[in-house]
Amino acid sequence: QVQLVESGGGLVQTGGSLRLSCAASGGIYSADSMGWYRQAPGKQREMVGFITQDGMIRYGDLVKGRFTISGDVAKNTEYLQMNSLTPDDTGVYYCLATDGRGSSLWGQGTQVTVSS
């Protein structure tokens, strides 16, 4: 069974950077896009951004130019470069792959904690 595995989370000070990675294990999921989502403590999960199979990248409002998404959707690999982190960026970051036909696959999430 295909699973998405995130990595790269951790503890960082305000102003620091982290690079998250997402990759498939157990096979390849036939995705047409992959996205990053964040769930802060006590809040709903929100979109950070996504990348499509043809390379289009879009960001959610919370990014404000600080985050960069890259990857290869066909290979189920995705990255999130996060710069100028603040405590408001603290949360669990999830990778999502969608197949464009109504199905999706979530990763288990990776914790990012930004200290003040």
Protein backbone atom coordinates (compact mmCIF):
# COMPACT_ATOMS: atom_id res chain seq x y z
CA GLN A 1 0.00 0.00 0.00
CA VAL A 2 1.34 3.40 -0.96
CA GLN A 3 2.00 5.83 1.86
CA LEU A 4 3.27 9.40 1.93
CA VAL A 5 6.03 10.07 4.41
CA GLU A 6 6.98 13.56 5.54
CA SER A 7 10.31 14.40 7.10
CA GLY A 8 12.40 17.41 8.04
CA GLY A 9 10.34 18.84 10.86
CA GLY A 10 11.82 19.89 14.15
CA LEU A 11 12.49 22.74 16.54
CA VAL A 12 13.84 26.01 15.17
CA GLN A 13 14.21 29.53 16.52
CA THR A 14 12.30 32.52 15.18
CA GLY A 15 13.83 33.67 11.92
CA GLY A 16 15.21 30.24 11.14
CA SER A 17 14.56 27.91 8.24
CA LEU A 18 13.46 24.34 7.69
CA ARG A 19 13.07 22.17 4.63
CA LEU A 20 10.34 19.57 4.68
CA SER A 21 10.27 16.61 2.36
CA CYS A 22 7.50 14.27 1.29
CA ALA A 23 7.97 11.04 -0.57
CA ALA A 24 5.94 7.96 -1.33
CA SER A 25 6.80 4.56 0.06
CA GLY A 26 5.45 1.21 -1.02
CA GLY A 27 4.87 2.27 -4.60
CA ILE A 28 3.70 5.27 -6.61
CA TYR A 29 0.40 7.07 -6.20
CA SER A 30 -1.08 8.30 -9.45
CA ALA A 31 -1.26 11.96 -8.46
CA ASP A 32 -2.04 15.01 -10.54
CA SER A 33 -1.07 17.39 -7.75
CA MET A 34 0.59 17.42 -4.35
CA GLY A 35 0.09 19.91 -1.59
CA TRP A 36 1.28 20.99 1.82
CA TYR A 37 -1.13 21.71 4.65
CA ARG A 38 -0.58 22.98 8.15
CA GLN A 39 -2.56 22.42 11.32
CA ALA A 40 -1.69 24.74 14.15
CA PRO A 41 -2.65 23.80 17.72
CA GLY A 42 -6.38 24.25 18.22
CA LYS A 43 -6.97 25.30 14.63
CA GLN A 44 -8.25 23.71 11.47
CA ARG A 45 -5.96 22.35 8.84
CA GLU A 46 -5.15 24.99 6.22
CA MET A 47 -3.46 24.92 2.86
CA VAL A 48 0.11 26.11 2.52
CA GLY A 49 0.27 25.52 -1.21
CA PHE A 50 0.40 22.93 -3.94
CA ILE A 51 2.22 21.86 -7.08
CA THR A 52 0.64 20.24 -10.12
CA GLN A 53 2.02 17.57 -12.41
CA ASP A 54 2.76 20.17 -15.08
CA GLY A 55 4.69 22.28 -12.58
CA MET A 56 2.18 24.98 -11.68
CA ILE A 57 2.65 26.14 -8.09
CA ARG A 58 0.19 28.08 -5.97
CA TYR A 59 0.39 29.30 -2.39
CA GLY A 60 -2.17 29.99 0.26
CA ASP A 61 -2.50 33.36 1.93
CA LEU A 62 -0.55 32.34 5.02
CA VAL A 63 2.73 31.93 3.11
CA LYS A 64 3.41 35.59 2.31
CA GLY A 65 6.46 34.86 0.17
CA ARG A 66 8.39 33.01 2.86
CA PHE A 67 7.78 29.46 1.71
CA THR A 68 8.75 27.72 -1.51
CA ILE A 69 7.27 24.51 -2.85
CA SER A 70 9.10 22.26 -5.30
CA GLY A 71 9.00 18.66 -6.34
CA ASP A 72 8.07 16.09 -8.94
CA VAL A 73 4.45 15.04 -8.71
CA ALA A 74 4.91 12.07 -11.05
CA LYS A 75 7.56 10.70 -8.68
CA ASN A 76 5.50 11.60 -5.59
CA THR A 77 8.22 13.85 -4.19
CA GLU A 78 7.54 17.27 -2.76
CA TYR A 79 9.50 19.79 -0.75
CA LEU A 80 8.65 22.82 1.34
CA GLN A 81 11.39 25.33 2.01
CA MET A 82 10.35 27.54 4.90
CA ASN A 83 12.25 30.72 5.71
CA SER A 84 11.83 33.50 8.25
CA LEU A 85 9.84 31.23 10.51
CA THR A 86 7.79 32.68 13.35
CA PRO A 87 5.99 31.02 16.26
CA ASP A 88 2.77 31.32 14.22
CA ASP A 89 4.22 28.75 11.84
CA THR A 90 4.19 26.14 14.57
CA GLY A 91 2.06 23.13 13.76
CA VAL A 92 1.91 19.77 12.10
CA TYR A 93 2.68 19.90 8.39
CA TYR A 94 0.99 17.38 6.16
CA CYS A 95 1.64 16.26 2.61
CA LEU A 96 -1.34 15.52 0.37
CA ALA A 97 -1.52 13.87 -3.03
CA THR A 98 -4.68 14.03 -5.13
CA ASP A 99 -5.45 12.03 -8.24
CA GLY A 100 -7.86 14.51 -9.83
CA ARG A 101 -10.67 11.95 -9.73
CA GLY A 102 -11.83 12.53 -6.17
CA SER A 103 -9.30 10.43 -4.30
CA SER A 104 -6.49 11.66 -2.12
CA LEU A 105 -3.71 10.39 0.10
CA TRP A 106 -2.43 12.12 3.24
CA GLY A 107 0.88 11.70 4.96
CA GLN A 108 1.13 11.23 8.71
CA GLY A 109 2.47 14.73 9.27
CA THR A 110 5.67 16.19 10.66
CA GLN A 111 5.85 18.55 13.62
CA VAL A 112 7.36 22.00 13.21
CA THR A 113 7.92 24.05 16.33
CA VAL A 114 9.22 27.61 16.19
CA SER A 115 10.45 29.04 19.46
CA SER A 116 10.35 32.74 20.26
